Amino acid sequence: MDSRLVLASLHLLALAVGLAGLWARARALRDALHDPEDQGALRQAFVGHVWWSVAVVLWIVTGVWLLGVAGTDASYYVANRAFYLKIALVLAIVGLEVWPTQTLLRWRWKRAVPSPHDGGRIEVISYVECALVVAIVIASAHMAHGYGPARPLGGARLPPVGPMPIAPVSDALGTPVMTPSGVETVTDEDLALLVREIAMPLDGIDPATLRSNFNERRGGGTRAHQALDIMAARRTPVKSAAKGRVLKLFTSVAGGLMVYAADSSERFIVMYAHLDGYASGLRDGAPLARGQVIGYVGSTGNAIASAPHLHFAVARSADVRRWSKGMPIDPVPVLQTAAGRR
C-alpha cells in the first residue's frame, strides 16, 4: 500500500480519536461536577485526556511527515488558503490546551486538589476544541476536493504557479522550442492544429464512443469538470496524446500523480491525472513522442479507488512555462475529429 495513503488515513483517524477523547473528557468532567465524590468520573476524564493527547501527537507527526517526507509536493499546501486555516485552527487548539493539560496533570499527580470551578472551565474549553476539530475536518475536506488555491486547467484546483525555469530543449532535428504565444484565446486555427497534434491517450477505446463530461458540475456544483474522465482498468498504459515534452511531474491531493505536457507547437498543455505510476525514466523536460507510454491508469488523489480512470485535460496556453494555467478545451470533439481524419 502507498505510504502516503497510510499516513493520510492515520492523519484523519487521529482527528476522529481526538474528537472522541475531547468529548469524553468534557462529559466526564461534567459528571464529576455533579458528584465531586465520584472518583470514577475523574478517572474517565484522565483517560479521555490521554486519548486526546495521543491523537494530537499522531495528527501533528503524520501531518509533518506528509508535508515534508512522504513525497507530497509541498507547493500544493503552501499556496492553499485552506491549509493556512488548518494551521490557524491547530495553533488555536494548542493555545487553548496549555492550561487544561497542566491542570489535569497536577490533579493526576496529586499536586493539586481537583477544583469544581477549574473542572467547569476545562469542560467548556473541551467543547470549544471539539468545534475547532470539526472545523479542521471541514478545511481538510475543502483541500481534498480542490478548494483553496487558484484554479488551474482541467477543473482541479492547484496552486498558482509563475513562470518556471524550464531549460530550453530541442526536438530530434535540433529545432528549439517555440516562444510563448502570449494569448489563451482558442481560434479555429488553434482547433485545427490541435486536431493534427492529438490522439487518444488510451488504446482500445474508440473516440466515437466517448461522451463529454466537460461541463459536468463538481465540488457540490461549485465548478465545472473541464476535462474528460476515461474509465479503464488499473495499470492500463497511458500514452502521450501528442508529440512534445514533459513540463511537470506533479502530485496533488486532488489529482494524485499527474503529468503536465506541452504539445510540439507549444500552444497547448495536456494534463493526465490520477495515475497509478509513471513510466520508467520519465522526468521534467523529457521529450515526448505521440503514443509514448508516460504512465498507468490509477485512482490516486481524490478518485474513487474502485473506479480507476484517466482524468484527461487540454488547455490553450499563453506560456507553457505556466503549466497549471490555460483556457480549457473539451477533449471529446477534438479526439473524435482527429480520429475521423486518420
Protein backbone atom coordinates (compact mmCIF):
# COMPACT_ATOMS: atom_id res chain seq x y z
CA MET A 1 0.00 0.00 0.00
CA ASP A 2 1.19 3.54 -0.79
CA SER A 3 2.85 5.03 2.31
CA ARG A 4 1.11 8.35 1.66
CA LEU A 5 -2.27 6.62 1.79
CA VAL A 6 -1.36 5.01 5.13
CA LEU A 7 -0.18 8.34 6.54
CA ALA A 8 -3.24 10.19 5.25
CA SER A 9 -5.50 7.54 6.81
CA LEU A 10 -3.70 7.82 10.16
CA HIS A 11 -3.89 11.61 9.89
CA LEU A 12 -7.68 11.54 9.58
CA LEU A 13 -8.05 8.72 12.12
CA ALA A 14 -6.19 10.88 14.66
CA LEU A 15 -8.83 13.60 14.26
CA ALA A 16 -11.61 11.10 14.96
CA VAL A 17 -9.82 9.68 18.02
CA GLY A 18 -9.03 13.17 19.28
CA LEU A 19 -12.62 14.33 18.91
CA ALA A 20 -13.85 11.28 20.84
CA GLY A 21 -11.25 11.85 23.57
CA LEU A 22 -12.16 15.52 23.95
CA TRP A 23 -15.86 14.77 24.14
CA ALA A 24 -15.28 12.01 26.69
CA ARG A 25 -13.14 14.36 28.79
CA ALA A 26 -15.79 17.06 28.77
CA ARG A 27 -18.64 14.69 29.67
CA ALA A 28 -16.63 13.06 32.46
CA LEU A 29 -15.79 16.45 33.98
CA ARG A 30 -19.46 17.36 33.81
CA ASP A 31 -20.31 14.20 35.75
CA ALA A 32 -17.55 15.00 38.25
CA LEU A 33 -19.04 18.47 38.80
CA HIS A 34 -22.45 16.94 39.58
CA ASP A 35 -20.88 14.49 42.03
CA PRO A 36 -17.49 15.70 43.36
CA GLU A 37 -17.08 12.44 45.29
CA ASP A 38 -17.26 10.34 42.10
CA GLN A 39 -13.62 9.39 41.54
CA GLY A 40 -14.63 7.20 38.58
CA ALA A 41 -15.77 10.25 36.60
CA LEU A 42 -12.45 11.97 37.22
CA ARG A 43 -10.56 8.85 36.08
CA GLN A 44 -12.64 8.82 32.90
CA ALA A 45 -11.65 12.46 32.34
CA PHE A 46 -7.99 11.46 32.65
CA VAL A 47 -8.48 8.60 30.15
CA GLY A 48 -10.20 10.92 27.68
CA HIS A 49 -7.36 13.40 28.07
CA VAL A 50 -4.77 10.68 27.33
CA TRP A 51 -6.56 9.67 24.13
CA TRP A 52 -6.82 13.32 23.12
CA SER A 53 -3.09 13.86 23.75
CA VAL A 54 -2.10 10.76 21.77
CA ALA A 55 -4.33 11.86 18.89
CA VAL A 56 -2.78 15.35 18.81
CA VAL A 57 0.74 13.93 18.66
CA LEU A 58 -0.23 11.43 15.95
CA TRP A 59 -2.02 14.11 13.93
CA ILE A 60 0.92 16.52 14.04
CA VAL A 61 3.53 13.83 13.28
CA THR A 62 1.63 12.42 10.30
CA GLY A 63 0.88 15.92 9.03
CA VAL A 64 4.53 16.96 9.12
CA TRP A 65 5.53 13.64 7.53
CA LEU A 66 3.03 14.08 4.70
CA LEU A 67 4.21 17.64 4.13
CA GLY A 68 7.95 17.11 4.14
CA VAL A 69 8.88 13.44 3.95
CA ALA A 70 6.34 11.32 2.11
CA GLY A 71 6.87 12.81 -1.34
CA THR A 72 3.85 15.11 -1.48
CA ASP A 73 4.64 18.34 -3.29
CA ALA A 74 4.72 21.00 -0.55
CA SER A 75 3.76 23.73 -3.03
CA TYR A 76 0.23 22.32 -3.04
CA TYR A 77 -0.07 23.16 0.66
CA VAL A 78 1.80 26.43 0.94
CA ALA A 79 -0.35 28.03 -1.78
CA ASN A 80 -3.63 26.75 -0.35
CA ARG A 81 -5.72 29.06 1.82
CA ALA A 82 -7.49 26.11 3.47
CA PHE A 83 -4.10 24.84 4.64
CA TYR A 84 -3.40 28.10 6.44
CA LEU A 85 -6.86 27.92 8.00
CA LYS A 86 -5.99 24.44 9.29
CA ILE A 87 -2.72 25.72 10.75
CA ALA A 88 -4.54 28.60 12.46
CA LEU A 89 -7.06 26.20 13.95
CA VAL A 90 -4.31 23.89 15.20
CA LEU A 91 -2.49 26.79 16.83
CA ALA A 92 -5.73 27.89 18.47
CA ILE A 93 -6.25 24.40 19.89
CA VAL A 94 -2.66 24.24 21.15
CA GLY A 95 -3.05 27.63 22.83
CA LEU A 96 -6.32 26.65 24.48
CA GLU A 97 -4.95 23.30 25.64
CA VAL A 98 -1.92 24.50 27.60
CA TRP A 99 -3.75 25.37 30.82
CA PRO A 100 -6.17 22.34 30.86
CA THR A 101 -3.25 19.94 30.32
CA GLN A 102 -1.21 21.49 33.11
CA THR A 103 -4.20 21.45 35.46
CA LEU A 104 -5.19 17.85 34.75
CA LEU A 105 -1.60 16.67 35.18
CA ARG A 106 -1.39 18.38 38.58
CA TRP A 107 -4.61 16.67 39.62
CA ARG A 108 -3.46 13.29 38.39
CA TRP A 109 -0.07 13.54 40.10
CA LYS A 110 -1.78 14.66 43.35
CA ARG A 111 -0.04 18.03 43.25
CA ALA A 112 -3.33 19.92 43.45
CA VAL A 113 -6.84 19.21 44.65
CA PRO A 114 -9.44 18.98 41.85
CA SER A 115 -11.46 22.16 41.75
CA PRO A 116 -15.08 22.20 40.51
CA HIS A 117 -14.52 25.70 39.16
CA ASP A 118 -11.46 24.65 37.14
CA GLY A 119 -13.22 21.46 36.05
CA GLY A 120 -16.07 23.53 34.64
CA ARG A 121 -13.64 25.75 32.74
CA ILE A 122 -11.87 22.71 31.25
CA GLU A 123 -15.26 21.27 30.22
CA VAL A 124 -16.14 24.46 28.31
CA ILE A 125 -12.69 24.60 26.70
CA SER A 126 -13.08 20.97 25.64
CA TYR A 127 -16.34 21.74 23.83
CA VAL A 128 -14.73 24.70 22.09
CA GLU A 129 -11.84 22.50 20.99
CA CYS A 130 -14.35 19.92 19.67
CA ALA A 131 -15.79 22.62 17.43
CA LEU A 132 -12.30 23.56 16.23
CA VAL A 133 -11.52 19.91 15.40
CA VAL A 134 -14.70 19.75 13.32
CA ALA A 135 -13.60 22.93 11.55
CA ILE A 136 -10.24 21.26 10.78
CA VAL A 137 -12.09 18.32 9.21
CA ILE A 138 -14.08 20.74 7.05
CA ALA A 139 -10.90 22.56 5.97
CA SER A 140 -9.29 19.20 5.13
CA ALA A 141 -12.30 18.23 3.03
CA HIS A 142 -12.01 21.52 1.13
CA MET A 143 -8.36 20.79 0.36
CA ALA A 144 -9.09 17.21 -0.70
CA HIS A 145 -11.72 18.41 -3.17
CA GLY A 146 -9.54 21.09 -4.70
CA TYR A 147 -10.70 24.21 -2.90
CA GLY A 148 -8.36 26.89 -1.60
CA PRO A 149 -5.81 27.54 -4.35
CA ALA A 150 -6.36 29.25 -7.68
CA ARG A 151 -7.97 27.16 -10.38
CA PRO A 152 -5.66 25.52 -12.91
CA LEU A 153 -6.65 23.82 -16.15
CA GLY A 154 -8.88 20.79 -16.11
CA GLY A 155 -11.09 21.97 -13.27
CA ALA A 156 -8.82 20.75 -10.44
CA ARG A 157 -7.64 23.45 -8.09
CA LEU A 158 -3.93 23.73 -7.63
CA PRO A 159 -1.58 26.49 -6.53
CA PRO A 160 -0.95 29.39 -8.89
CA VAL A 161 2.47 28.98 -10.43
CA GLY A 162 4.55 31.71 -12.02
CA PRO A 163 6.99 31.21 -14.89
CA MET A 164 9.23 28.24 -14.19
CA PRO A 165 12.91 27.96 -15.05
CA ILE A 166 12.49 25.18 -17.61
CA ALA A 167 15.65 24.73 -19.62
CA PRO A 168 15.23 25.10 -23.40
CA VAL A 169 15.00 21.78 -25.23
CA SER A 170 15.23 20.79 -28.87
CA ASP A 171 13.45 18.14 -30.88
CA ALA A 172 15.24 15.37 -32.76
CA LEU A 173 16.14 17.77 -35.57
CA GLY A 174 17.63 20.34 -33.22
CA THR A 175 14.75 22.79 -33.63
CA PRO A 176 14.42 24.93 -30.49
CA VAL A 177 11.10 25.17 -28.67
CA MET A 178 8.79 27.99 -29.74
CA THR A 179 8.43 31.27 -27.91
CA PRO A 180 5.23 31.77 -25.89
CA SER A 181 2.22 32.86 -27.92
CA GLY A 182 1.08 35.28 -25.23
CA VAL A 183 -2.62 34.52 -25.73
CA GLU A 184 -5.10 31.92 -24.50
CA THR A 185 -7.90 32.64 -26.95
CA VAL A 186 -8.95 29.48 -28.78
CA THR A 187 -9.32 30.15 -32.52
CA ASP A 188 -10.42 27.91 -35.38
CA GLU A 189 -6.75 27.75 -36.37
CA ASP A 190 -5.87 26.52 -32.87
CA LEU A 191 -8.51 23.79 -33.02
CA ALA A 192 -7.34 22.68 -36.46
CA LEU A 193 -3.77 22.49 -35.17
CA LEU A 194 -4.85 20.58 -32.08
CA VAL A 195 -6.71 18.04 -34.23
CA ARG A 196 -3.48 17.39 -36.15
CA GLU A 197 -1.45 17.14 -32.94
CA ILE A 198 -3.59 14.95 -30.71
CA ALA A 199 -4.54 11.27 -30.48
CA MET A 200 -6.26 9.01 -27.95
CA PRO A 201 -4.16 8.55 -24.80
CA LEU A 202 -5.53 5.03 -24.20
CA ASP A 203 -5.51 2.13 -26.65
CA GLY A 204 -8.60 0.08 -27.34
CA ILE A 205 -11.10 2.92 -26.92
CA ASP A 206 -13.00 4.23 -29.93
CA PRO A 207 -13.25 8.05 -29.67
CA ALA A 208 -16.71 7.81 -31.22
CA THR A 209 -17.93 6.11 -28.02
CA LEU A 210 -16.72 8.94 -25.78
CA ARG A 211 -19.31 11.09 -24.06
CA SER A 212 -18.27 14.53 -22.90
CA ASN A 213 -18.39 15.31 -19.19
CA PHE A 214 -16.55 18.59 -19.68
CA ASN A 215 -19.39 20.75 -18.35
CA GLU A 216 -20.45 18.48 -15.52
CA ARG A 217 -20.60 20.24 -12.17
CA ARG A 218 -18.20 19.06 -9.47
CA GLY A 219 -17.47 20.08 -5.89
CA GLY A 220 -21.14 20.18 -4.97
CA GLY A 221 -21.97 22.16 -8.10
CA THR A 222 -19.41 24.89 -7.49
CA ARG A 223 -17.17 24.25 -10.51
CA ALA A 224 -17.16 22.67 -13.95
CA HIS A 225 -15.20 19.49 -14.61
CA GLN A 226 -13.41 20.94 -17.68
CA ALA A 227 -11.78 17.62 -18.55
CA LEU A 228 -12.58 14.10 -19.76
CA ASP A 229 -12.71 11.05 -17.49
CA ILE A 230 -11.82 7.89 -19.42
CA MET A 231 -12.63 4.74 -17.48
CA ALA A 232 -10.09 1.93 -17.84
CA ALA A 233 -8.58 -0.95 -15.90
CA ARG A 234 -5.91 -0.11 -13.36
CA ARG A 235 -2.37 -0.14 -14.81
CA THR A 236 -3.63 0.38 -18.38
CA PRO A 237 -0.76 2.19 -20.17
CA VAL A 238 -1.36 5.92 -20.65
CA LYS A 239 0.22 7.24 -23.83
CA SER A 240 1.28 10.74 -24.71
CA ALA A 241 -1.55 12.20 -26.78
CA ALA A 242 0.81 14.48 -28.69
CA LYS A 243 4.43 14.95 -29.57
CA GLY A 244 6.07 17.49 -27.28
CA ARG A 245 7.76 17.47 -23.89
CA VAL A 246 7.08 16.95 -20.21
CA LEU A 247 6.50 20.23 -18.39
CA LYS A 248 5.99 18.97 -14.87
CA LEU A 249 5.52 15.74 -12.94
CA PHE A 250 3.26 16.81 -10.12
CA THR A 251 1.48 15.33 -7.10
CA SER A 252 -1.61 16.88 -5.54
CA VAL A 253 -4.27 15.83 -3.08
CA ALA A 254 -6.97 16.25 -5.73
CA GLY A 255 -5.22 14.92 -8.85
CA GLY A 256 -2.84 12.38 -7.33
CA LEU A 257 0.08 11.57 -9.62
CA MET A 258 -0.08 13.92 -12.60
CA VAL A 259 1.78 14.76 -15.80
CA TYR A 260 1.66 18.19 -17.43
CA ALA A 261 2.99 18.20 -21.00
CA ALA A 262 3.24 20.62 -23.91
CA ASP A 263 2.49 19.66 -27.50
CA SER A 264 5.06 20.27 -30.25
CA SER A 265 3.55 23.66 -31.14
CA GLU A 266 3.84 24.79 -27.51
CA ARG A 267 0.35 26.24 -27.74
CA PHE A 268 -1.37 23.53 -25.73
CA ILE A 269 -0.94 21.94 -22.31
CA VAL A 270 -2.09 18.35 -21.92
CA MET A 271 -2.67 17.05 -18.41
CA TYR A 272 -3.01 13.44 -17.24
CA ALA A 273 -4.16 12.82 -13.65
CA HIS A 274 -4.98 10.06 -11.11
CA LEU A 275 -2.10 7.96 -12.45
CA ASP A 276 -1.12 4.77 -10.66
CA GLY A 277 2.53 5.39 -11.54
CA TYR A 278 4.89 6.98 -14.05
CA ALA A 279 6.70 5.24 -16.89
CA SER A 280 10.30 4.41 -16.07
CA GLY A 281 12.68 7.26 -16.81
CA LEU A 282 10.01 9.94 -17.22
CA ARG A 283 11.27 13.31 -15.96
CA ASP A 284 10.60 17.03 -16.20
CA GLY A 285 11.72 18.40 -19.57
CA ALA A 286 11.89 14.99 -21.28
CA PRO A 287 10.86 14.95 -24.97
CA LEU A 288 7.72 13.01 -25.81
CA ALA A 289 6.67 11.15 -28.93
CA ARG A 290 2.98 10.72 -29.67
CA GLY A 291 2.00 7.27 -28.45
CA GLN A 292 4.87 7.02 -25.95
CA VAL A 293 3.87 5.43 -22.64
CA ILE A 294 4.08 8.03 -19.85
CA GLY A 295 2.24 6.31 -17.02
CA TYR A 296 -0.56 3.99 -15.97
CA VAL A 297 -4.24 4.42 -15.17
CA GLY A 298 -4.99 4.56 -11.46
CA SER A 299 -7.11 6.20 -8.79
CA THR A 300 -4.64 8.37 -6.87
CA GLY A 301 -5.77 11.70 -5.48
CA ASN A 302 -9.49 12.11 -4.82
CA ALA A 303 -10.55 9.47 -7.37
CA ILE A 304 -12.66 6.56 -6.12
CA ALA A 305 -10.42 3.54 -5.58
CA SER A 306 -12.98 1.18 -7.16
CA ALA A 307 -13.26 3.29 -10.33
CA PRO A 308 -9.76 3.80 -11.81
CA HIS A 309 -9.74 6.23 -14.72
CA LEU A 310 -7.66 8.78 -16.59
CA HIS A 311 -8.51 12.42 -15.98
CA PHE A 312 -7.50 13.95 -19.33
CA ALA A 313 -7.46 17.72 -19.84
CA VAL A 314 -6.34 20.04 -22.64
CA ALA A 315 -5.87 23.81 -22.47
CA ARG A 316 -4.74 26.61 -24.78
CA SER A 317 -1.72 28.22 -23.16
CA ALA A 318 -0.25 31.69 -23.41
CA ASP A 319 3.01 30.39 -21.94
CA VAL A 320 3.53 26.68 -21.23
CA ARG A 321 6.03 27.54 -18.50
CA ARG A 322 2.92 28.37 -16.50
CA TRP A 323 1.93 24.74 -16.69
CA SER A 324 -1.16 24.96 -14.46
CA LYS A 325 -2.70 27.84 -16.44
CA GLY A 326 -4.68 27.88 -19.65
CA MET A 327 -8.05 28.07 -21.39
CA PRO A 328 -9.70 24.62 -21.04
CA ILE A 329 -10.81 22.86 -24.24
CA ASP A 330 -13.28 19.96 -24.35
CA PRO A 331 -11.13 16.98 -25.48
CA VAL A 332 -14.02 14.87 -26.84
CA PRO A 333 -14.83 16.69 -30.11
CA VAL A 334 -11.10 17.18 -30.76
CA LEU A 335 -10.32 13.48 -30.28
CA GLN A 336 -13.31 12.41 -32.36
CA THR A 337 -12.42 14.78 -35.21
CA ALA A 338 -8.78 13.69 -35.07
CA ALA A 339 -9.75 10.00 -35.25
CA GLY A 340 -12.00 10.64 -38.23
CA ARG A 341 -9.12 12.18 -40.20
CA ARG A 342 -6.64 9.35 -39.61
